[in-house]
Amino acid sequence: MAINPPSSSARRTRCSLPAVLMRAGTSKGLFIHRAHLPPSENAWAAPLLAAMGSRYNDTRQIDGVGGATSVTSKVAVVAPSSRPGVDVDYTFVQVAVGKETIDMSGNCGNMCSGVGPFAVQEKLVEPQPGARTVDVRIFNTNTSSTIVETVQIDENGELKEDGNCIIPGVRGSGSEIKVAFVDPAGSMTNKLFPSGVRAEKIVVDEVAGLSPFSVDVTLIDSANPFILVDARTTAPLLKGQQQDSPLTITVTEAIRQHGAVLMGLAPDLEAASMVRGTPKIAYVSRPDPSPCSPSDIQVLAYSMGKPHPSLQLTGAVCIASAVCMEGTVAKSVARGQTSGESEALTPERTPSPPGTAARDIQELEHRADLLAPGLSSYSTQVITITHGSGSMEVEVWTKLGPYGLEIDRCIVSRTARRLFEGKVLTAARYDDRTRACEKSGQHTIDRRIGVSVTAGLITSAGLGLRPST
């Protein structure tokens, strides 16, 4: 077997990147101190692609720590914050599987749920002596939004990981983490409904082999931009199709691209096709009747062009927010309006008791009235969402604003676990082309549309669908 001689223009340099591998909610990824990455975000692509194993467009990520799925190819970058009333800054990075790209255009709620535990374990936040909980105030740089996480502390003042909280999509239990998304509306678009309406039709006529078709959607931005599709309007088109069939994937992506343009997240369909992570898309439908497990709405979400095994946490926030607002497709589906029935939503339940988290939210938002959650202008409701791995409850706080009902905050329970701590060793390849790109700054990230250019290359259940086999 011939062995190619070493090239004078290419060499390998062994690099080490301090990191923690964590399961956070139903996602898994690397948690990294920002100080351990290059100062410029434009230089993050190379080390993160190498660490996760996405170099050379590897779909298996065999030469890195990534899990070859979108939910296991994620990175959270954390740093102490200089912002008033905030403990840590957090930047989410989606590392593509099978492509040399990273996407920093939006947030990941599941990875975010691990930021609080990481901050406590890394001594970025110190609990008060004797305290059994601590509230970690997090600023997400992707969406310029605030999240307050309440994590539990043991008798020794350390993070408590063990507990009785069970979340669908994760086998086993853990200590409950309360994740509160504060003022989630308009995370990237500055509006809860970016197109200005609560429900509309998207007409698609560019899919090869299909006649033009239309679907009913709600375009919403609550913690993350999402396109919520009324599954009833795609049932004739996708009848009998599997969730991951080529036709389903093609139709879903076409709808997503049109929605991106309508939301102002991309100037045209071509630009939208380059950013698979934002906006995200989900089909919503009426849940199957179940007296044992009442649910308000059922969802099939997609992530990076593939069916999500459960549901993005920010997707749950979007869907729950939409169910609480009149005129959305989620509200219509939950009520079953087209059938003439009027179904009550899940009965209101006792919300989380006000405590230090409520005080932190008041401090961050400078609203003294949050100290009195019994005010008539505020109301709470728990929305139950069924997905492929079970169900999820979202506690939605709404208030009366100058223009009507507003989403004040959404609270979701998660668990997280530290899996590994150490250094990720990467054999980073430097050749003349890579060196030239670094020198010219061609490793760029456009946060406006989320396109990452790596080495100068731009790469781009009850819902009428059968589960993948």
Protein backbone atom coordinates (compact mmCIF):
# COMPACT_ATOMS: atom_id res chain seq x y z
CA MET A 1 0.00 0.00 0.00
CA ALA A 2 1.41 3.35 -1.01
CA ILE A 3 1.91 5.97 1.65
CA ASN A 4 1.78 9.56 0.53
CA PRO A 5 4.80 11.55 1.66
CA PRO A 6 4.13 14.42 4.06
CA SER A 7 3.20 17.61 2.28
CA SER A 8 5.25 20.70 2.86
CA SER A 9 2.04 22.75 2.75
CA ALA A 10 0.05 20.69 5.29
CA ARG A 11 0.73 19.61 8.84
CA ARG A 12 -1.24 18.42 11.83
CA THR A 13 -1.10 20.17 15.16
CA ARG A 14 -2.38 18.44 18.29
CA CYS A 15 -4.68 20.82 20.15
CA SER A 16 -6.46 20.39 23.47
CA LEU A 17 -9.69 22.13 24.42
CA PRO A 18 -10.84 22.06 28.09
CA ALA A 19 -14.52 21.13 28.13
CA VAL A 20 -17.31 19.41 30.01
CA LEU A 21 -19.64 16.96 28.27
CA MET A 22 -23.15 17.28 29.67
CA ARG A 23 -26.63 16.02 29.07
CA ALA A 24 -28.88 19.02 29.35
CA GLY A 25 -32.58 18.25 29.05
CA THR A 26 -32.93 16.03 25.99
CA SER A 27 -29.77 17.35 24.34
CA LYS A 28 -26.10 16.57 24.85
CA GLY A 29 -23.04 18.63 24.06
CA LEU A 30 -19.87 20.36 25.15
CA PHE A 31 -19.87 23.14 27.73
CA ILE A 32 -16.84 25.39 27.32
CA HIS A 33 -15.53 28.46 29.10
CA ARG A 34 -15.35 31.32 26.63
CA ALA A 35 -11.82 32.06 27.82
CA HIS A 36 -10.71 28.73 26.32
CA LEU A 37 -11.83 29.73 22.80
CA PRO A 38 -10.33 32.36 20.49
CA PRO A 39 -11.36 35.93 21.36
CA SER A 40 -13.16 36.36 18.03
CA GLU A 41 -16.25 34.26 17.36
CA ASN A 42 -15.17 34.17 13.72
CA ALA A 43 -12.38 31.80 14.76
CA TRP A 44 -14.61 29.36 16.68
CA ALA A 45 -15.61 27.23 13.70
CA ALA A 46 -12.33 25.34 13.27
CA PRO A 47 -11.86 24.12 16.88
CA LEU A 48 -15.55 23.31 17.40
CA LEU A 49 -15.89 21.41 14.12
CA ALA A 50 -12.76 19.43 14.98
CA ALA A 51 -13.91 18.72 18.55
CA MET A 52 -17.33 17.45 17.48
CA GLY A 53 -15.99 15.47 14.51
CA SER A 54 -17.64 17.41 11.69
CA ARG A 55 -14.44 18.08 9.77
CA TYR A 56 -14.39 16.70 6.23
CA ASN A 57 -18.23 16.67 6.21
CA ASP A 58 -18.30 13.48 8.30
CA THR A 59 -21.90 12.34 8.85
CA ARG A 60 -20.82 9.96 11.64
CA GLN A 61 -18.63 12.45 13.54
CA ILE A 62 -16.44 9.42 14.19
CA ASP A 63 -13.29 11.51 14.83
CA GLY A 64 -14.89 13.69 17.51
CA VAL A 65 -17.23 13.64 20.49
CA GLY A 66 -20.42 14.44 18.55
CA GLY A 67 -23.19 11.86 18.46
CA ALA A 68 -24.05 12.15 14.74
CA THR A 69 -27.46 13.72 15.46
CA SER A 70 -28.53 17.33 15.76
CA VAL A 71 -29.44 16.87 19.45
CA THR A 72 -25.97 15.52 20.31
CA SER A 73 -23.89 17.95 18.25
CA LYS A 74 -24.20 21.11 20.31
CA VAL A 75 -21.94 23.49 22.21
CA ALA A 76 -22.63 25.94 25.04
CA VAL A 77 -20.05 28.67 25.57
CA VAL A 78 -20.28 30.26 29.02
CA ALA A 79 -18.57 33.28 30.58
CA PRO A 80 -18.99 35.51 33.64
CA SER A 81 -21.22 38.43 32.71
CA SER A 82 -20.51 42.12 33.14
CA ARG A 83 -24.19 42.97 32.60
CA PRO A 84 -26.04 44.37 35.63
CA GLY A 85 -28.16 41.74 37.37
CA VAL A 86 -26.80 38.88 35.23
CA ASP A 87 -24.51 36.08 36.41
CA VAL A 88 -23.29 34.49 33.17
CA ASP A 89 -23.42 35.04 29.43
CA TYR A 90 -24.22 31.98 27.32
CA THR A 91 -23.77 31.49 23.58
CA PHE A 92 -25.27 28.48 21.81
CA VAL A 93 -23.54 26.86 18.84
CA GLN A 94 -25.20 24.21 16.66
CA VAL A 95 -22.51 22.15 14.96
CA ALA A 96 -23.80 20.65 11.73
CA VAL A 97 -23.61 16.90 11.16
CA GLY A 98 -22.14 16.02 7.79
CA LYS A 99 -21.26 19.62 6.94
CA GLU A 100 -18.40 21.88 7.94
CA THR A 101 -20.67 24.59 9.32
CA ILE A 102 -21.74 26.01 12.63
CA ASP A 103 -24.96 27.91 13.28
CA MET A 104 -25.26 30.57 15.97
CA SER A 105 -28.52 32.10 14.80
CA GLY A 106 -30.74 30.97 17.68
CA ASN A 107 -30.91 29.56 21.19
CA CYS A 108 -31.30 25.97 22.40
CA GLY A 109 -33.49 25.72 25.48
CA ASN A 110 -32.32 22.23 26.41
CA MET A 111 -28.64 23.18 26.32
CA CYS A 112 -29.54 26.34 28.19
CA SER A 113 -30.94 24.20 31.02
CA GLY A 114 -27.40 22.94 31.65
CA VAL A 115 -25.90 26.41 31.94
CA GLY A 116 -27.12 26.93 35.51
CA PRO A 117 -25.66 23.64 36.79
CA PHE A 118 -22.43 24.28 34.86
CA ALA A 119 -22.13 27.76 36.36
CA VAL A 120 -22.53 26.39 39.90
CA GLN A 121 -20.12 23.50 39.39
CA GLU A 122 -17.53 25.77 37.78
CA LYS A 123 -17.84 28.29 40.65
CA LEU A 124 -19.13 31.04 38.37
CA VAL A 125 -22.06 31.34 40.78
CA GLU A 126 -21.72 30.80 44.54
CA PRO A 127 -24.82 29.70 46.52
CA GLN A 128 -25.54 31.46 49.78
CA PRO A 129 -24.41 29.47 52.86
CA GLY A 130 -27.15 27.07 53.91
CA ALA A 131 -29.25 27.71 50.79
CA ARG A 132 -30.90 24.70 49.17
CA THR A 133 -31.58 26.48 45.87
CA VAL A 134 -29.82 29.14 43.85
CA ASP A 135 -31.13 31.22 40.98
CA VAL A 136 -28.70 31.61 38.09
CA ARG A 137 -29.38 34.65 35.91
CA ILE A 138 -28.36 33.90 32.31
CA PHE A 139 -28.09 36.19 29.30
CA ASN A 140 -28.32 34.37 25.98
CA THR A 141 -26.20 36.27 23.47
CA ASN A 142 -27.82 34.61 20.44
CA THR A 143 -31.22 36.11 21.15
CA SER A 144 -30.35 38.88 23.65
CA SER A 145 -32.80 37.33 26.09
CA THR A 146 -32.77 36.57 29.81
CA ILE A 147 -33.33 33.18 31.42
CA VAL A 148 -33.49 32.54 35.17
CA GLU A 149 -32.72 28.98 36.28
CA THR A 150 -33.46 27.67 39.76
CA VAL A 151 -31.14 24.77 40.60
CA GLN A 152 -31.00 22.70 43.77
CA ILE A 153 -28.09 22.65 46.20
CA ASP A 154 -27.19 19.86 48.63
CA GLU A 155 -26.24 20.15 52.30
CA ASN A 156 -22.57 20.63 51.36
CA GLY A 157 -23.28 23.63 49.17
CA GLU A 158 -22.68 21.66 45.96
CA LEU A 159 -24.99 21.19 43.01
CA LYS A 160 -27.53 18.44 43.61
CA GLU A 161 -27.86 16.25 40.50
CA ASP A 162 -29.88 13.36 41.93
CA GLY A 163 -33.61 13.76 42.39
CA ASN A 164 -37.08 12.53 41.49
CA CYS A 165 -37.78 14.71 38.46
CA ILE A 166 -38.44 12.70 35.28
CA ILE A 167 -38.61 14.28 31.83
CA PRO A 168 -39.75 12.42 28.68
CA GLY A 169 -36.87 11.55 26.39
CA VAL A 170 -34.49 10.78 29.27
CA ARG A 171 -34.50 7.47 31.11
CA GLY A 172 -34.00 7.92 34.81
CA SER A 173 -34.56 10.85 37.11
CA GLY A 174 -32.63 13.86 38.32
CA SER A 175 -32.82 17.03 40.33
CA GLU A 176 -35.41 19.44 38.97
CA ILE A 177 -34.17 22.57 37.21
CA LYS A 178 -36.76 25.31 36.81
CA VAL A 179 -36.04 27.22 33.59
CA ALA A 180 -37.85 30.56 33.34
CA PHE A 181 -37.77 32.38 29.99
CA VAL A 182 -38.34 36.04 30.88
CA ASP A 183 -40.18 38.23 28.35
CA PRO A 184 -39.62 35.63 25.60
CA ALA A 185 -41.47 37.50 22.84
CA GLY A 186 -39.40 38.75 19.91
CA SER A 187 -36.13 36.97 20.70
CA MET A 188 -34.80 37.56 17.17
CA THR A 189 -37.50 39.59 15.44
CA ASN A 190 -38.60 41.99 18.21
CA LYS A 191 -42.19 40.79 17.78
CA LEU A 192 -44.21 37.87 19.13
CA PHE A 193 -45.81 37.57 15.69
CA PRO A 194 -43.13 38.78 13.24
CA SER A 195 -45.38 38.94 10.17
CA GLY A 196 -47.95 41.04 12.01
CA VAL A 197 -50.73 38.44 11.98
CA ARG A 198 -51.48 35.47 14.21
CA ALA A 199 -52.42 33.02 11.46
CA GLU A 200 -51.87 32.99 7.71
CA LYS A 201 -51.46 30.76 4.68
CA ILE A 202 -48.12 29.92 3.14
CA VAL A 203 -48.30 29.04 -0.55
CA VAL A 204 -45.51 26.79 -1.86
CA ASP A 205 -45.08 26.26 -5.59
CA GLU A 206 -41.37 25.44 -5.92
CA VAL A 207 -41.35 21.75 -4.91
CA ALA A 208 -40.47 19.59 -7.91
CA GLY A 209 -43.10 17.02 -8.81
CA LEU A 210 -45.83 18.65 -6.73
CA SER A 211 -48.60 21.03 -7.61
CA PRO A 212 -48.64 24.30 -5.67
CA PHE A 213 -50.07 23.83 -2.19
CA SER A 214 -50.91 25.98 0.82
CA VAL A 215 -50.76 25.38 4.56
CA ASP A 216 -52.12 27.25 7.57
CA VAL A 217 -49.39 28.49 9.89
CA THR A 218 -48.62 30.72 12.82
CA LEU A 219 -45.25 32.46 12.68
CA ILE A 220 -44.22 33.08 16.28
CA ASP A 221 -41.07 34.20 18.06
CA SER A 222 -41.17 33.31 21.76
CA ALA A 223 -37.69 32.33 23.03
CA ASN A 224 -36.90 31.26 19.44
CA PRO A 225 -38.57 31.78 16.05
CA PHE A 226 -40.87 28.89 15.12
CA ILE A 227 -43.25 28.06 12.30
CA LEU A 228 -46.27 26.20 13.66
CA VAL A 229 -48.08 24.31 10.89
CA ASP A 230 -51.66 23.11 11.24
CA ALA A 231 -51.15 19.41 10.45
CA ARG A 232 -54.70 19.17 9.11
CA THR A 233 -53.72 21.30 6.12
CA THR A 234 -50.87 18.96 5.12
CA ALA A 235 -52.75 15.71 5.74
CA PRO A 236 -53.87 15.21 2.09
CA LEU A 237 -50.39 15.96 0.79
CA LEU A 238 -48.47 13.76 3.24
CA LYS A 239 -51.01 11.00 3.85
CA GLY A 240 -49.25 7.71 4.55
CA GLN A 241 -45.80 9.31 4.46
CA GLN A 242 -43.23 8.58 7.14
CA GLN A 243 -41.96 11.44 9.25
CA ASP A 244 -38.53 11.22 7.63
CA SER A 245 -39.56 10.29 4.09
CA PRO A 246 -37.94 12.35 1.30
CA LEU A 247 -41.30 13.92 0.44
CA THR A 248 -42.02 14.91 4.04
CA ILE A 249 -38.56 16.39 4.51
CA THR A 250 -38.78 18.30 1.22
CA VAL A 251 -42.23 19.71 1.95
CA THR A 252 -41.28 20.63 5.51
CA GLU A 253 -38.12 22.42 4.41
CA ALA A 254 -39.99 24.31 1.68
CA ILE A 255 -42.53 25.56 4.22
CA ARG A 256 -39.73 26.49 6.61
CA GLN A 257 -37.89 28.52 3.99
CA HIS A 258 -41.03 30.47 3.03
CA GLY A 259 -41.71 31.13 6.70
CA ALA A 260 -38.17 32.42 7.22
CA VAL A 261 -38.69 35.03 4.52
CA LEU A 262 -42.08 36.09 5.91
CA MET A 263 -40.55 36.44 9.38
CA GLY A 264 -37.79 38.67 8.06
CA LEU A 265 -35.08 36.18 9.00
CA ALA A 266 -33.88 35.74 5.42
CA PRO A 267 -34.10 38.02 2.37
CA ASP A 268 -35.04 35.21 0.01
CA LEU A 269 -35.52 31.44 -0.24
CA GLU A 270 -31.90 30.80 -1.21
CA ALA A 271 -30.62 32.56 1.90
CA ALA A 272 -33.18 30.71 4.03
CA SER A 273 -31.93 27.37 2.70
CA MET A 274 -28.44 28.11 4.04
CA VAL A 275 -29.64 28.45 7.64
CA ARG A 276 -31.22 25.17 8.75
CA GLY A 277 -31.37 26.08 12.42
CA THR A 278 -33.56 29.20 12.30
CA PRO A 279 -36.49 29.41 12.17
CA LYS A 280 -37.49 25.99 13.39
CA ILE A 281 -40.70 24.26 12.33
CA ALA A 282 -43.28 21.99 13.95
CA TYR A 283 -46.61 20.41 12.99
CA VAL A 284 -49.37 20.81 15.58
CA SER A 285 -52.53 18.74 15.88
CA ARG A 286 -55.23 17.71 18.33
CA PRO A 287 -53.97 15.13 20.83
CA ASP A 288 -55.48 11.69 21.07
CA PRO A 289 -58.07 11.52 23.88
CA SER A 290 -56.48 10.19 27.05
CA PRO A 291 -58.28 10.53 30.38
CA CYS A 292 -55.15 9.35 32.18
CA SER A 293 -52.83 11.90 30.56
CA PRO A 294 -54.81 14.95 29.44
CA SER A 295 -53.03 17.05 26.86
CA ASP A 296 -53.78 20.33 25.17
CA ILE A 297 -51.93 19.86 21.89
CA GLN A 298 -49.74 17.36 20.03
CA VAL A 299 -46.59 18.27 18.11
CA LEU A 300 -44.07 16.84 15.68
CA ALA A 301 -41.01 19.07 15.55
CA TYR A 302 -38.10 19.07 13.13
CA SER A 303 -34.47 19.92 13.84
CA MET A 304 -31.90 20.60 11.14
CA GLY A 305 -34.06 18.87 8.53
CA LYS A 306 -34.87 15.75 10.55
CA PRO A 307 -37.70 14.76 12.93
CA HIS A 308 -36.90 15.74 16.50
CA PRO A 309 -37.06 12.74 18.88
CA SER A 310 -38.99 14.81 21.43
CA LEU A 311 -39.39 18.61 21.37
CA GLN A 312 -37.08 21.58 21.61
CA LEU A 313 -37.52 23.43 24.89
CA THR A 314 -37.89 26.73 23.05
CA GLY A 315 -40.41 24.98 20.81
CA ALA A 316 -42.46 24.15 23.89
CA VAL A 317 -42.30 27.82 24.90
CA CYS A 318 -43.48 28.90 21.43
CA ILE A 319 -46.32 26.38 21.28
CA ALA A 320 -47.53 27.10 24.82
CA SER A 321 -47.41 30.83 24.11
CA ALA A 322 -49.43 30.33 20.93
CA VAL A 323 -52.05 28.21 22.70
CA CYS A 324 -52.59 31.08 25.13
CA MET A 325 -53.15 33.64 22.36
CA GLU A 326 -56.42 33.97 20.44
CA GLY A 327 -56.33 33.58 16.67
CA THR A 328 -53.35 31.24 16.34
CA VAL A 329 -53.41 27.83 14.67
CA ALA A 330 -52.25 26.32 17.97
CA LYS A 331 -55.25 27.82 19.75
CA SER A 332 -57.54 26.56 16.99
CA VAL A 333 -56.08 23.06 17.13
CA ALA A 334 -56.27 22.93 20.91
CA ARG A 335 -59.90 23.99 20.83
CA GLY A 336 -60.86 21.89 17.83
CA GLN A 337 -62.72 24.80 16.29
CA THR A 338 -63.19 23.35 12.81
CA SER A 339 -65.10 20.39 14.19
CA GLY A 340 -67.51 22.69 15.98
CA GLU A 341 -66.41 21.42 19.36
CA SER A 342 -65.23 23.59 22.19
CA GLU A 343 -62.66 21.73 24.23
CA ALA A 344 -61.40 23.19 27.46
CA LEU A 345 -57.68 23.50 27.84
CA THR A 346 -55.91 21.70 30.62
CA PRO A 347 -57.42 23.09 33.84
CA GLU A 348 -55.43 25.79 35.53
CA ARG A 349 -53.15 24.42 38.20
CA THR A 350 -51.22 25.94 41.03
CA PRO A 351 -48.20 27.68 39.51
CA SER A 352 -44.71 27.56 40.94
CA PRO A 353 -44.64 29.38 44.27
CA PRO A 354 -43.07 32.83 44.12
CA GLY A 355 -39.60 32.80 45.63
CA THR A 356 -36.12 33.94 44.83
CA ALA A 357 -36.68 33.31 41.13
CA ALA A 358 -39.56 35.78 41.14
CA ARG A 359 -37.39 38.30 42.97
CA ASP A 360 -34.61 37.85 40.43
CA ILE A 361 -37.01 38.39 37.56
CA GLN A 362 -38.22 41.56 39.27
CA GLU A 363 -34.63 42.72 39.68
CA LEU A 364 -33.80 42.02 36.04
CA GLU A 365 -36.92 43.64 34.64
CA HIS A 366 -37.29 46.40 37.27
CA ARG A 367 -40.93 45.56 37.86
CA ALA A 368 -42.00 45.84 41.47
CA ASP A 369 -45.39 44.37 40.64
CA LEU A 370 -43.89 40.91 40.07
CA LEU A 371 -43.56 40.71 43.84
CA ALA A 372 -47.35 40.50 43.95
CA PRO A 373 -48.25 37.65 41.57
CA GLY A 374 -51.86 37.78 42.72
CA LEU A 375 -52.53 40.99 40.81
CA SER A 376 -55.55 40.69 38.55
CA SER A 377 -53.53 41.80 35.51
CA TYR A 378 -51.51 38.56 35.67
CA SER A 379 -52.75 35.04 35.06
CA THR A 380 -51.08 31.65 34.81
CA GLN A 381 -51.92 28.48 32.96
CA VAL A 382 -50.14 25.16 32.53
CA ILE A 383 -50.16 23.93 28.93
CA THR A 384 -49.49 20.23 28.35
CA ILE A 385 -47.82 19.35 25.06
CA THR A 386 -47.59 15.77 23.74
CA HIS A 387 -44.57 14.85 21.60
CA GLY A 388 -42.83 11.74 20.31
CA SER A 389 -41.23 10.84 23.65
CA GLY A 390 -44.05 11.76 26.02
CA SER A 391 -45.41 15.08 27.21
CA MET A 392 -44.14 18.37 28.57
CA GLU A 393 -45.76 20.97 30.79
CA VAL A 394 -45.16 24.68 30.32
CA GLU A 395 -46.27 27.18 32.93
CA VAL A 396 -47.24 30.35 31.06
CA TRP A 397 -47.57 33.70 32.82
CA THR A 398 -49.55 36.27 30.85
CA LYS A 399 -50.35 39.89 31.59
CA LEU A 400 -52.49 42.66 30.18
CA GLY A 401 -50.32 45.12 28.27
CA PRO A 402 -51.21 48.33 26.42
CA TYR A 403 -52.05 46.36 23.26
CA GLY A 404 -53.66 43.31 24.82
CA LEU A 405 -52.43 40.04 26.27
CA GLU A 406 -48.65 39.60 26.52
CA ILE A 407 -46.41 36.67 27.46
CA ASP A 408 -44.59 37.60 30.65
CA ARG A 409 -42.61 34.39 31.16
CA CYS A 410 -42.69 30.66 30.52
CA ILE A 411 -41.36 28.11 33.01
CA VAL A 412 -40.34 24.55 32.15
CA SER A 413 -38.75 21.80 34.25
CA ARG A 414 -35.59 20.02 33.08
CA THR A 415 -32.80 17.83 34.43
CA ALA A 416 -29.10 17.79 33.56
CA ARG A 417 -26.06 15.66 34.31
CA ARG A 418 -22.33 16.17 34.02
CA LEU A 419 -20.97 13.24 32.01
CA PHE A 420 -17.28 13.97 31.44
CA GLU A 421 -14.75 16.65 32.24
CA GLY A 422 -11.32 17.03 30.74
CA LYS A 423 -9.81 18.06 27.43
CA VAL A 424 -10.96 17.28 23.91
CA LEU A 425 -7.91 16.44 21.81
CA THR A 426 -8.12 17.44 18.18
CA ALA A 427 -5.72 16.95 15.33
CA ALA A 428 -6.39 20.24 13.61
CA ARG A 429 -5.17 20.31 10.01
CA TYR A 430 -3.58 23.49 8.86
CA ASP A 431 -2.83 23.91 5.19
CA ASP A 432 -2.18 26.90 2.97
CA ARG A 433 -5.90 27.35 2.25
CA THR A 434 -6.94 27.27 5.91
CA ARG A 435 -4.12 29.61 6.88
CA ALA A 436 -5.12 32.04 4.15
CA CYS A 437 -8.75 32.00 5.30
CA GLU A 438 -7.74 32.68 8.90
CA LYS A 439 -5.49 35.52 7.82
CA SER A 440 -8.21 37.12 5.70
CA GLY A 441 -10.94 36.55 8.30
CA GLN A 442 -13.04 34.31 6.04
CA HIS A 443 -14.13 32.19 9.01
CA THR A 444 -17.17 34.39 9.50
CA ILE A 445 -20.53 34.06 11.19
CA ASP A 446 -23.51 36.15 10.16
CA ARG A 447 -25.76 36.31 13.22
CA ARG A 448 -28.45 38.10 11.21
CA ILE A 449 -29.15 35.05 9.07
CA GLY A 450 -26.93 32.59 10.91
CA VAL A 451 -24.70 31.57 8.01
CA SER A 452 -21.31 30.19 8.94
CA VAL A 453 -18.53 30.20 6.39
CA THR A 454 -15.88 27.64 7.18
CA ALA A 455 -12.60 27.73 5.28
CA GLY A 456 -14.29 29.92 2.70
CA LEU A 457 -17.08 27.41 1.92
CA ILE A 458 -20.78 28.15 2.46
CA THR A 459 -22.81 24.96 2.87
CA SER A 460 -25.88 25.09 3.07
CA ALA A 461 -47.32 11.06 15.67
CA GLY A 462 -50.70 11.65 15.21
CA LEU A 463 -49.97 14.22 12.59
CA GLY A 464 -50.86 12.22 9.51
CA LEU A 465 -47.32 10.89 9.30
CA ARG A 466 -46.07 7.44 10.18
CA PRO A 467 -43.17 7.13 12.65
CA SER A 468 -39.80 6.37 11.11
CA THR A 469 -38.84 2.71 11.00
